N, C-alpha and C. Protein backbone atom coordinates (compact mmCIF):
# COMPACT_ATOMS: atom_id res chain seq x y z
N MET A 1 107.51 94.40 70.71
CA MET A 1 107.18 94.26 72.12
C MET A 1 105.72 94.69 72.32
N ARG A 2 105.09 94.05 73.32
CA ARG A 2 103.67 94.30 73.63
C ARG A 2 103.62 95.03 74.97
N LEU A 3 103.18 96.28 74.96
CA LEU A 3 103.32 97.14 76.13
C LEU A 3 101.99 97.63 76.68
N PHE A 4 101.98 97.90 77.98
CA PHE A 4 100.89 98.63 78.60
C PHE A 4 101.43 99.43 79.78
N VAL A 5 100.65 100.41 80.22
CA VAL A 5 101.01 101.27 81.34
C VAL A 5 100.08 100.90 82.49
N ALA A 6 100.63 100.66 83.66
CA ALA A 6 99.82 100.13 84.76
C ALA A 6 100.19 100.72 86.10
N VAL A 7 99.26 100.52 87.02
CA VAL A 7 99.47 100.79 88.44
C VAL A 7 99.29 99.45 89.15
N TYR A 8 100.26 99.10 89.98
CA TYR A 8 100.19 97.85 90.75
C TYR A 8 99.86 98.17 92.21
N PRO A 9 98.81 97.57 92.76
CA PRO A 9 98.57 97.72 94.20
C PRO A 9 99.76 97.14 94.97
N PRO A 10 100.05 97.67 96.15
CA PRO A 10 101.18 97.16 96.94
C PRO A 10 100.85 95.78 97.52
N PRO A 11 101.89 95.05 97.95
CA PRO A 11 101.68 93.69 98.47
C PRO A 11 100.60 93.55 99.54
N PRO A 12 100.48 94.46 100.53
CA PRO A 12 99.41 94.26 101.52
C PRO A 12 98.00 94.30 100.90
N ALA A 13 97.79 95.17 99.91
CA ALA A 13 96.48 95.24 99.25
C ALA A 13 96.21 93.98 98.43
N ILE A 14 97.25 93.48 97.76
CA ILE A 14 97.11 92.24 96.98
C ILE A 14 96.83 91.06 97.92
N ALA A 15 97.57 90.99 99.03
CA ALA A 15 97.39 89.88 99.98
C ALA A 15 95.99 89.89 100.58
N ASP A 16 95.46 91.06 100.88
CA ASP A 16 94.13 91.15 101.47
C ASP A 16 93.07 90.65 100.50
N LEU A 17 93.15 91.11 99.24
CA LEU A 17 92.18 90.65 98.24
C LEU A 17 92.37 89.17 97.94
N ALA A 18 93.61 88.70 97.87
CA ALA A 18 93.87 87.28 97.58
C ALA A 18 93.27 86.39 98.67
N GLU A 19 93.35 86.85 99.92
CA GLU A 19 92.78 86.08 101.04
C GLU A 19 91.27 85.90 100.84
N ARG A 20 90.58 86.97 100.46
CA ARG A 20 89.13 86.88 100.22
C ARG A 20 88.83 86.12 98.94
N PHE A 21 89.64 86.34 97.91
CA PHE A 21 89.39 85.76 96.59
C PHE A 21 89.45 84.24 96.61
N GLN A 22 90.30 83.67 97.46
CA GLN A 22 90.45 82.22 97.47
C GLN A 22 89.17 81.50 97.89
N PHE A 23 88.23 82.23 98.51
CA PHE A 23 86.98 81.61 98.94
C PHE A 23 85.85 81.80 97.93
N THR A 24 86.14 82.45 96.81
CA THR A 24 85.12 82.60 95.76
C THR A 24 85.14 81.37 94.86
N HIS A 25 84.08 81.22 94.07
CA HIS A 25 84.06 80.12 93.11
C HIS A 25 85.15 80.29 92.06
N LEU A 26 85.35 81.54 91.61
CA LEU A 26 86.38 81.81 90.62
C LEU A 26 87.77 81.54 91.18
N GLY A 27 87.98 81.77 92.47
CA GLY A 27 89.29 81.59 93.07
C GLY A 27 89.57 80.17 93.56
N THR A 28 88.58 79.27 93.43
CA THR A 28 88.76 77.89 93.87
C THR A 28 89.22 77.02 92.70
N PRO A 29 90.38 76.35 92.83
CA PRO A 29 90.87 75.52 91.71
C PRO A 29 89.86 74.43 91.34
N ARG A 30 89.76 74.15 90.05
CA ARG A 30 88.91 73.10 89.52
C ARG A 30 89.67 72.35 88.45
N GLU A 31 89.08 71.23 88.02
CA GLU A 31 89.71 70.49 86.93
C GLU A 31 89.69 71.32 85.66
N GLN A 32 88.58 71.99 85.40
CA GLN A 32 88.47 72.85 84.22
C GLN A 32 88.91 74.26 84.59
N SER A 33 89.84 74.83 83.82
CA SER A 33 90.36 76.16 84.14
C SER A 33 89.28 77.22 84.07
N LEU A 34 89.24 78.06 85.11
CA LEU A 34 88.33 79.20 85.12
C LEU A 34 89.05 80.46 84.66
N ARG A 35 90.31 80.30 84.26
CA ARG A 35 91.12 81.41 83.76
C ARG A 35 91.21 82.55 84.78
N ALA A 36 91.41 82.16 86.05
CA ALA A 36 91.64 83.16 87.10
C ALA A 36 93.04 83.75 86.91
N VAL A 37 93.15 85.05 87.09
CA VAL A 37 94.45 85.71 86.99
C VAL A 37 95.16 85.54 88.33
N PRO A 38 96.40 85.05 88.34
CA PRO A 38 97.11 84.90 89.62
C PRO A 38 97.43 86.26 90.25
N PRO A 39 97.43 86.33 91.58
CA PRO A 39 97.65 87.62 92.26
C PRO A 39 98.92 88.36 91.83
N GLU A 40 99.97 87.64 91.47
CA GLU A 40 101.21 88.33 91.08
C GLU A 40 101.05 89.11 89.77
N ARG A 41 99.96 88.87 89.05
CA ARG A 41 99.71 89.62 87.81
C ARG A 41 98.59 90.65 87.97
N TRP A 42 98.03 90.81 89.16
CA TRP A 42 96.95 91.78 89.37
C TRP A 42 97.49 93.20 89.24
N HIS A 43 96.82 93.99 88.43
CA HIS A 43 97.22 95.37 88.18
C HIS A 43 96.02 96.14 87.65
N VAL A 44 96.15 97.45 87.59
CA VAL A 44 95.15 98.33 86.99
C VAL A 44 95.79 98.93 85.74
N THR A 45 95.25 98.59 84.58
CA THR A 45 95.79 99.12 83.32
C THR A 45 95.32 100.56 83.13
N LEU A 46 96.27 101.47 82.98
CA LEU A 46 95.93 102.86 82.67
C LEU A 46 95.74 103.04 81.17
N VAL A 47 96.67 102.49 80.40
CA VAL A 47 96.60 102.57 78.94
C VAL A 47 97.22 101.31 78.36
N PHE A 48 96.51 100.66 77.42
CA PHE A 48 97.06 99.52 76.70
C PHE A 48 97.62 100.02 75.38
N ILE A 49 98.91 99.80 75.18
CA ILE A 49 99.58 100.25 73.96
C ILE A 49 99.56 99.16 72.90
N GLY A 50 99.85 97.94 73.28
CA GLY A 50 99.89 96.83 72.33
C GLY A 50 101.25 96.70 71.69
N GLU A 51 101.27 96.08 70.51
CA GLU A 51 102.53 95.81 69.82
C GLU A 51 103.18 97.11 69.36
N LEU A 52 104.47 97.23 69.64
CA LEU A 52 105.21 98.43 69.30
C LEU A 52 106.65 98.02 68.97
N ALA A 53 107.20 98.62 67.94
CA ALA A 53 108.60 98.33 67.59
C ALA A 53 109.51 98.75 68.74
N ASP A 54 110.51 97.93 69.04
CA ASP A 54 111.44 98.20 70.14
C ASP A 54 112.03 99.61 70.05
N ARG A 55 112.34 100.06 68.84
CA ARG A 55 112.99 101.36 68.66
C ARG A 55 112.11 102.52 69.11
N ARG A 56 110.80 102.28 69.28
CA ARG A 56 109.89 103.36 69.68
C ARG A 56 109.67 103.41 71.20
N GLU A 57 110.20 102.43 71.93
CA GLU A 57 110.01 102.41 73.38
C GLU A 57 110.52 103.69 74.06
N PRO A 58 111.66 104.27 73.64
CA PRO A 58 112.10 105.52 74.29
C PRO A 58 111.05 106.64 74.24
N LYS A 59 110.26 106.69 73.19
CA LYS A 59 109.21 107.71 73.10
C LYS A 59 108.10 107.45 74.13
N VAL A 60 107.84 106.18 74.42
CA VAL A 60 106.87 105.85 75.47
C VAL A 60 107.41 106.32 76.81
N ARG A 61 108.68 106.12 77.04
CA ARG A 61 109.30 106.57 78.29
C ARG A 61 109.24 108.09 78.41
N THR A 62 109.46 108.78 77.31
CA THR A 62 109.36 110.25 77.32
C THR A 62 107.94 110.67 77.68
N ALA A 63 106.95 109.98 77.12
CA ALA A 63 105.55 110.30 77.41
C ALA A 63 105.23 110.07 78.88
N LEU A 64 105.70 108.98 79.46
CA LEU A 64 105.40 108.68 80.87
C LEU A 64 106.11 109.67 81.80
N ALA A 65 107.30 110.08 81.44
CA ALA A 65 108.00 111.08 82.24
C ALA A 65 107.21 112.39 82.24
N ALA A 66 106.70 112.78 81.08
CA ALA A 66 105.93 114.02 80.99
C ALA A 66 104.60 113.91 81.73
N ALA A 67 103.94 112.76 81.62
CA ALA A 67 102.62 112.57 82.25
C ALA A 67 102.70 112.60 83.77
N THR A 68 103.81 112.15 84.33
CA THR A 68 103.93 112.07 85.79
C THR A 68 104.68 113.26 86.40
N SER A 69 105.33 114.06 85.57
CA SER A 69 106.22 115.10 86.11
C SER A 69 105.49 116.20 86.88
N GLY A 70 104.26 116.51 86.51
CA GLY A 70 103.56 117.60 87.18
C GLY A 70 102.72 117.19 88.37
N LEU A 71 102.72 115.91 88.70
CA LEU A 71 101.87 115.43 89.80
C LEU A 71 102.55 115.68 91.14
N THR A 72 101.84 116.35 92.04
CA THR A 72 102.44 116.72 93.32
C THR A 72 102.01 115.83 94.47
N SER A 73 100.96 115.02 94.26
CA SER A 73 100.54 114.12 95.34
C SER A 73 100.06 112.81 94.75
N ALA A 74 100.24 111.76 95.53
CA ALA A 74 99.85 110.42 95.10
C ALA A 74 98.37 110.17 95.44
N PRO A 75 97.54 109.80 94.46
CA PRO A 75 96.15 109.47 94.77
C PRO A 75 96.09 108.29 95.74
N ARG A 76 95.09 108.27 96.61
CA ARG A 76 94.91 107.14 97.52
C ARG A 76 93.69 106.34 97.05
N LEU A 77 93.89 105.04 96.93
CA LEU A 77 92.85 104.15 96.43
C LEU A 77 92.68 102.97 97.36
N ARG A 78 91.61 102.24 97.15
CA ARG A 78 91.44 100.93 97.77
C ARG A 78 90.69 100.07 96.78
N LEU A 79 90.96 98.77 96.82
CA LEU A 79 90.20 97.82 96.02
C LEU A 79 88.88 97.57 96.73
N GLY A 80 87.79 97.68 95.99
CA GLY A 80 86.49 97.47 96.61
C GLY A 80 85.40 97.36 95.57
N GLY A 81 84.42 96.55 95.88
CA GLY A 81 83.35 96.33 94.93
C GLY A 81 83.83 95.48 93.78
N GLY A 82 83.05 95.42 92.76
CA GLY A 82 83.44 94.63 91.60
C GLY A 82 82.27 94.43 90.66
N GLY A 83 82.51 93.67 89.64
CA GLY A 83 81.46 93.42 88.66
C GLY A 83 81.96 92.52 87.57
N ARG A 84 81.29 92.61 86.44
CA ARG A 84 81.70 91.79 85.30
C ARG A 84 81.52 92.59 84.02
N PHE A 85 82.33 92.25 83.05
CA PHE A 85 82.17 92.71 81.69
C PHE A 85 81.72 91.51 80.87
N GLY A 86 80.86 91.72 79.92
CA GLY A 86 80.45 90.64 79.02
C GLY A 86 79.49 89.67 79.66
N LYS A 87 79.04 88.72 78.84
CA LYS A 87 78.12 87.67 79.29
C LYS A 87 78.51 86.35 78.66
N GLY A 88 77.99 85.28 79.26
CA GLY A 88 78.24 83.95 78.70
C GLY A 88 79.72 83.67 78.60
N ARG A 89 80.15 83.17 77.46
CA ARG A 89 81.55 82.79 77.32
C ARG A 89 82.51 83.97 77.27
N PHE A 90 81.97 85.19 77.24
CA PHE A 90 82.81 86.39 77.22
C PHE A 90 82.89 87.07 78.59
N THR A 91 82.43 86.40 79.64
CA THR A 91 82.39 86.99 80.98
C THR A 91 83.81 87.21 81.54
N THR A 92 84.04 88.42 82.01
CA THR A 92 85.26 88.79 82.73
C THR A 92 84.83 89.35 84.08
N VAL A 93 85.45 88.87 85.16
CA VAL A 93 85.13 89.32 86.52
C VAL A 93 86.25 90.25 87.00
N TRP A 94 85.87 91.36 87.64
CA TRP A 94 86.85 92.35 88.06
C TRP A 94 86.54 92.90 89.44
N ALA A 95 87.60 93.41 90.09
CA ALA A 95 87.47 94.15 91.34
C ALA A 95 87.51 95.63 91.00
N GLY A 96 86.70 96.40 91.72
CA GLY A 96 86.64 97.83 91.46
C GLY A 96 87.60 98.62 92.34
N LEU A 97 87.55 99.93 92.21
CA LEU A 97 88.40 100.83 92.98
C LEU A 97 87.55 101.88 93.66
N ASP A 98 87.92 102.23 94.89
CA ASP A 98 87.31 103.33 95.64
C ASP A 98 88.41 104.32 95.98
N GLY A 99 88.00 105.50 96.40
CA GLY A 99 88.97 106.51 96.80
C GLY A 99 89.10 107.59 95.74
N ASP A 100 90.32 108.02 95.50
CA ASP A 100 90.57 109.12 94.58
C ASP A 100 90.63 108.63 93.14
N VAL A 101 89.52 108.04 92.70
CA VAL A 101 89.44 107.49 91.35
C VAL A 101 89.51 108.60 90.30
N ALA A 102 88.99 109.78 90.63
CA ALA A 102 89.05 110.90 89.68
C ALA A 102 90.50 111.26 89.35
N ALA A 103 91.38 111.24 90.35
CA ALA A 103 92.79 111.54 90.10
C ALA A 103 93.43 110.46 89.24
N LEU A 104 93.06 109.20 89.47
CA LEU A 104 93.59 108.10 88.66
C LEU A 104 93.11 108.24 87.21
N THR A 105 91.85 108.62 87.05
CA THR A 105 91.31 108.83 85.71
C THR A 105 92.06 109.97 85.02
N GLY A 106 92.35 111.02 85.78
CA GLY A 106 93.14 112.13 85.24
C GLY A 106 94.54 111.70 84.84
N LEU A 107 95.13 110.81 85.62
CA LEU A 107 96.46 110.29 85.30
C LEU A 107 96.41 109.49 84.00
N ALA A 108 95.39 108.64 83.84
CA ALA A 108 95.25 107.87 82.60
C ALA A 108 95.10 108.81 81.41
N ALA A 109 94.32 109.88 81.57
CA ALA A 109 94.14 110.86 80.49
C ALA A 109 95.46 111.55 80.16
N ALA A 110 96.26 111.87 81.18
CA ALA A 110 97.55 112.51 80.96
C ALA A 110 98.50 111.59 80.19
N VAL A 111 98.49 110.29 80.54
CA VAL A 111 99.33 109.33 79.82
C VAL A 111 98.89 109.27 78.36
N GLN A 112 97.58 109.21 78.11
CA GLN A 112 97.10 109.17 76.72
C GLN A 112 97.52 110.43 75.96
N ARG A 113 97.37 111.59 76.60
CA ARG A 113 97.72 112.85 75.95
C ARG A 113 99.20 112.86 75.55
N GLU A 114 100.05 112.42 76.47
CA GLU A 114 101.49 112.44 76.19
C GLU A 114 101.89 111.39 75.16
N LEU A 115 101.20 110.25 75.15
CA LEU A 115 101.46 109.26 74.10
C LEU A 115 101.09 109.82 72.73
N ARG A 116 99.98 110.55 72.67
CA ARG A 116 99.59 111.19 71.40
C ARG A 116 100.67 112.18 70.95
N ARG A 117 101.20 112.95 71.89
CA ARG A 117 102.25 113.93 71.54
C ARG A 117 103.48 113.23 70.96
N GLN A 118 103.75 112.03 71.43
CA GLN A 118 104.90 111.27 70.94
C GLN A 118 104.54 110.40 69.73
N ARG A 119 103.28 110.51 69.30
CA ARG A 119 102.77 109.73 68.14
C ARG A 119 102.90 108.22 68.35
N ILE A 120 102.57 107.82 69.58
CA ILE A 120 102.56 106.40 69.93
C ILE A 120 101.10 105.93 69.88
N PRO A 121 100.77 104.96 69.04
CA PRO A 121 99.39 104.47 68.99
C PRO A 121 99.06 103.66 70.25
N PHE A 122 97.80 103.71 70.66
CA PHE A 122 97.35 102.95 71.84
C PHE A 122 95.86 102.66 71.69
N ASP A 123 95.37 101.76 72.52
CA ASP A 123 93.95 101.43 72.53
C ASP A 123 93.21 102.64 73.10
N GLY A 124 92.34 103.23 72.32
CA GLY A 124 91.69 104.46 72.73
C GLY A 124 90.40 104.29 73.50
N LYS A 125 90.14 103.08 74.02
CA LYS A 125 88.91 102.87 74.79
C LYS A 125 88.91 103.75 76.03
N ALA A 126 87.70 104.12 76.47
CA ALA A 126 87.57 104.92 77.69
C ALA A 126 88.14 104.15 78.87
N PHE A 127 88.81 104.88 79.77
CA PHE A 127 89.40 104.27 80.96
C PHE A 127 88.31 103.83 81.92
N LYS A 128 88.31 102.55 82.28
CA LYS A 128 87.37 102.01 83.26
C LYS A 128 88.21 101.40 84.38
N PRO A 129 88.38 102.12 85.50
CA PRO A 129 89.28 101.63 86.55
C PRO A 129 88.82 100.30 87.13
N HIS A 130 89.64 99.28 86.98
CA HIS A 130 89.31 97.96 87.51
C HIS A 130 90.57 97.09 87.53
N LEU A 131 90.48 96.00 88.25
CA LEU A 131 91.55 95.01 88.32
C LEU A 131 90.92 93.68 87.92
N THR A 132 91.38 93.11 86.81
CA THR A 132 90.80 91.87 86.29
C THR A 132 91.19 90.69 87.19
N LEU A 133 90.17 89.96 87.65
CA LEU A 133 90.40 88.78 88.50
C LEU A 133 90.37 87.49 87.69
N GLY A 134 89.62 87.46 86.61
CA GLY A 134 89.57 86.25 85.81
C GLY A 134 88.61 86.38 84.66
N ARG A 135 88.73 85.42 83.75
CA ARG A 135 87.86 85.35 82.58
C ARG A 135 87.23 83.96 82.53
N PRO A 136 86.26 83.72 83.42
CA PRO A 136 85.70 82.37 83.50
C PRO A 136 84.80 82.01 82.33
N GLY A 137 84.41 83.01 81.53
CA GLY A 137 83.48 82.71 80.45
C GLY A 137 82.20 82.13 81.02
N ASP A 138 81.75 81.01 80.44
CA ASP A 138 80.53 80.37 80.93
C ASP A 138 80.84 79.15 81.80
N ARG A 139 82.04 79.09 82.38
CA ARG A 139 82.44 77.94 83.19
C ARG A 139 81.92 78.01 84.63
N LEU A 140 81.37 79.15 85.04
CA LEU A 140 80.69 79.27 86.33
C LEU A 140 79.19 79.23 86.08
N THR A 141 78.46 78.59 86.99
CA THR A 141 77.00 78.61 86.87
C THR A 141 76.51 80.02 87.19
N PRO A 142 75.30 80.37 86.75
CA PRO A 142 74.77 81.70 87.10
C PRO A 142 74.75 81.94 88.61
N ASP A 143 74.43 80.91 89.40
CA ASP A 143 74.41 81.08 90.86
C ASP A 143 75.81 81.31 91.42
N GLU A 144 76.81 80.59 90.90
CA GLU A 144 78.18 80.78 91.36
C GLU A 144 78.67 82.18 91.01
N LEU A 145 78.38 82.62 89.80
CA LEU A 145 78.79 83.96 89.39
C LEU A 145 78.11 85.02 90.25
N ALA A 146 76.83 84.85 90.50
CA ALA A 146 76.09 85.82 91.33
C ALA A 146 76.68 85.87 92.74
N ALA A 147 77.04 84.71 93.29
CA ALA A 147 77.63 84.68 94.64
C ALA A 147 78.98 85.39 94.67
N ASP A 148 79.79 85.16 93.63
CA ASP A 148 81.09 85.83 93.56
C ASP A 148 80.94 87.34 93.43
N LEU A 149 80.00 87.78 92.60
CA LEU A 149 79.79 89.22 92.44
C LEU A 149 79.28 89.85 93.73
N ALA A 150 78.42 89.12 94.47
CA ALA A 150 77.94 89.64 95.76
C ALA A 150 79.09 89.76 96.75
N ALA A 151 80.00 88.78 96.75
CA ALA A 151 81.15 88.83 97.64
C ALA A 151 82.06 90.01 97.28
N LEU A 152 82.26 90.24 96.00
CA LEU A 152 83.08 91.38 95.57
C LEU A 152 82.43 92.70 95.96
N ASN A 153 81.12 92.79 95.80
CA ASN A 153 80.43 94.04 96.12
C ASN A 153 80.54 94.38 97.60
N ALA A 154 80.68 93.36 98.45
CA ALA A 154 80.79 93.59 99.89
C ALA A 154 82.23 93.84 100.32
N TYR A 155 83.19 93.65 99.42
CA TYR A 155 84.61 93.74 99.78
C TYR A 155 85.10 95.19 99.78
N ARG A 156 85.89 95.54 100.79
CA ARG A 156 86.63 96.81 100.85
C ARG A 156 88.00 96.50 101.42
N GLY A 157 89.03 96.73 100.63
CA GLY A 157 90.39 96.45 101.06
C GLY A 157 91.05 97.65 101.72
N PRO A 158 92.30 97.49 102.14
CA PRO A 158 93.04 98.60 102.75
C PRO A 158 93.37 99.67 101.72
N ASP A 159 93.48 100.93 102.16
CA ASP A 159 93.82 101.97 101.19
C ASP A 159 95.32 102.05 101.01
N TRP A 160 95.74 102.60 99.88
CA TRP A 160 97.15 102.67 99.52
C TRP A 160 97.38 103.83 98.56
N PRO A 161 98.60 104.38 98.59
CA PRO A 161 98.92 105.48 97.67
C PRO A 161 99.41 104.95 96.33
N VAL A 162 98.98 105.58 95.26
CA VAL A 162 99.51 105.28 93.93
C VAL A 162 100.78 106.13 93.82
N ASP A 163 101.92 105.54 94.19
CA ASP A 163 103.13 106.34 94.25
C ASP A 163 104.05 106.17 93.05
N HIS A 164 103.64 105.32 92.10
CA HIS A 164 104.41 105.20 90.85
C HIS A 164 103.55 104.57 89.76
N VAL A 165 103.99 104.77 88.54
CA VAL A 165 103.36 104.21 87.34
C VAL A 165 104.40 103.33 86.65
N ASP A 166 103.97 102.17 86.16
CA ASP A 166 104.90 101.23 85.53
C ASP A 166 104.66 101.08 84.03
N LEU A 167 105.75 100.95 83.29
CA LEU A 167 105.70 100.51 81.90
C LEU A 167 105.95 99.01 81.92
N VAL A 168 105.02 98.25 81.34
CA VAL A 168 105.06 96.79 81.44
C VAL A 168 105.06 96.17 80.05
N GLU A 169 105.86 95.12 79.89
CA GLU A 169 105.85 94.32 78.67
C GLU A 169 105.18 93.00 78.97
N SER A 170 104.20 92.62 78.15
CA SER A 170 103.54 91.33 78.36
C SER A 170 104.03 90.34 77.32
N HIS A 171 104.11 89.10 77.75
CA HIS A 171 104.53 88.00 76.89
C HIS A 171 103.39 86.99 76.85
N LEU A 172 102.79 86.83 75.69
CA LEU A 172 101.65 85.93 75.54
C LEU A 172 102.12 84.49 75.44
N GLY A 173 101.19 83.57 75.58
CA GLY A 173 101.48 82.15 75.51
C GLY A 173 100.68 81.41 76.56
N PRO A 174 100.94 80.12 76.73
CA PRO A 174 100.18 79.35 77.71
C PRO A 174 100.33 79.90 79.13
N ASN A 175 101.50 80.42 79.45
CA ASN A 175 101.75 81.04 80.75
C ASN A 175 102.13 82.50 80.52
N ILE A 176 101.13 83.38 80.53
CA ILE A 176 101.37 84.80 80.31
C ILE A 176 102.28 85.34 81.41
N THR A 177 103.26 86.14 81.02
CA THR A 177 104.13 86.78 82.00
C THR A 177 104.21 88.28 81.71
N TYR A 178 104.48 89.05 82.76
CA TYR A 178 104.65 90.48 82.64
C TYR A 178 106.03 90.86 83.16
N ASP A 179 106.71 91.73 82.45
CA ASP A 179 107.98 92.30 82.91
C ASP A 179 107.79 93.80 83.10
N ARG A 180 108.01 94.26 84.33
CA ARG A 180 107.99 95.70 84.57
C ARG A 180 109.32 96.27 84.08
N LEU A 181 109.25 97.12 83.07
CA LEU A 181 110.47 97.65 82.47
C LEU A 181 111.00 98.86 83.22
N ALA A 182 110.10 99.74 83.68
CA ALA A 182 110.53 100.95 84.40
C ALA A 182 109.35 101.51 85.17
N SER A 183 109.66 102.33 86.20
CA SER A 183 108.64 102.99 87.02
C SER A 183 108.93 104.47 87.08
N TRP A 184 107.84 105.27 87.14
CA TRP A 184 107.95 106.71 87.29
C TRP A 184 107.25 107.11 88.59
N PRO A 185 107.92 107.84 89.48
CA PRO A 185 107.32 108.20 90.77
C PRO A 185 106.24 109.26 90.63
N ILE A 186 105.31 109.23 91.57
CA ILE A 186 104.23 110.23 91.64
C ILE A 186 104.31 110.89 93.01
N GLY A 187 104.21 112.21 93.02
CA GLY A 187 104.16 112.94 94.28
C GLY A 187 105.52 113.17 94.91
N THR A 188 106.58 112.77 94.25
CA THR A 188 107.93 113.03 94.75
C THR A 188 108.79 113.43 93.58
N VAL A 189 109.88 114.08 93.85
CA VAL A 189 110.82 114.44 92.79
C VAL A 189 111.67 113.22 92.50
N GLY A 190 111.72 112.82 91.26
CA GLY A 190 112.51 111.66 90.92
C GLY A 190 112.43 111.36 89.43
N THR A 191 113.28 110.46 89.00
CA THR A 191 113.30 110.04 87.60
C THR A 191 112.91 108.57 87.55
N ALA A 192 112.75 108.09 86.33
CA ALA A 192 112.35 106.70 86.14
C ALA A 192 113.36 105.75 86.75
N VAL A 193 112.84 104.65 87.26
CA VAL A 193 113.68 103.58 87.80
C VAL A 193 113.51 102.39 86.88
N ASP A 194 114.61 101.96 86.25
CA ASP A 194 114.56 100.79 85.37
C ASP A 194 114.56 99.53 86.22
N HIS A 195 113.80 98.54 85.77
CA HIS A 195 113.73 97.25 86.44
C HIS A 195 114.49 96.21 85.62
N PRO A 196 115.32 95.40 86.26
CA PRO A 196 115.99 94.34 85.49
C PRO A 196 114.99 93.33 84.98
N VAL A 197 115.17 92.88 83.76
CA VAL A 197 114.25 91.89 83.16
C VAL A 197 114.92 90.54 83.16
């Protein structure tokens, strides 16, 4: 199984960004795919685990329970700003985060720490809080890309509490899909909630 740990913005935050995004060059359908990520897959990855044997998934759940158990309040965030990673055919466009980003960064660090304790390997790259909107590569002109980045920089969405963390399984292929396997609450007393797949 291919796993990652994520935070999903709530539907009102997704709807607000989707409304603005549809007017960008990246969000406008074309004959040639710009590899825009559909809103139902928008999320903030805290830690990417990657391929893991099914039998080791319970240890990931133990790590997430430990990482979230001591949190007494839910960080408040908003989607705002944005930018790009890479250049040319490697360009990825993303929306940024405002608000209690330090607490989110601390949560990502706690998840990594607990995964290490459980001896679960993961991508050890530094956490860069963002929500990937698309991977257009070089399919946008420099002017179109600049206009989209300017629109993202001017954007500020509604704020929302990060009230849970999800364990997600991704399925690669022509139509990538994500299955949320379980959620752990933040800022409240509770145990993991399993999601039907």
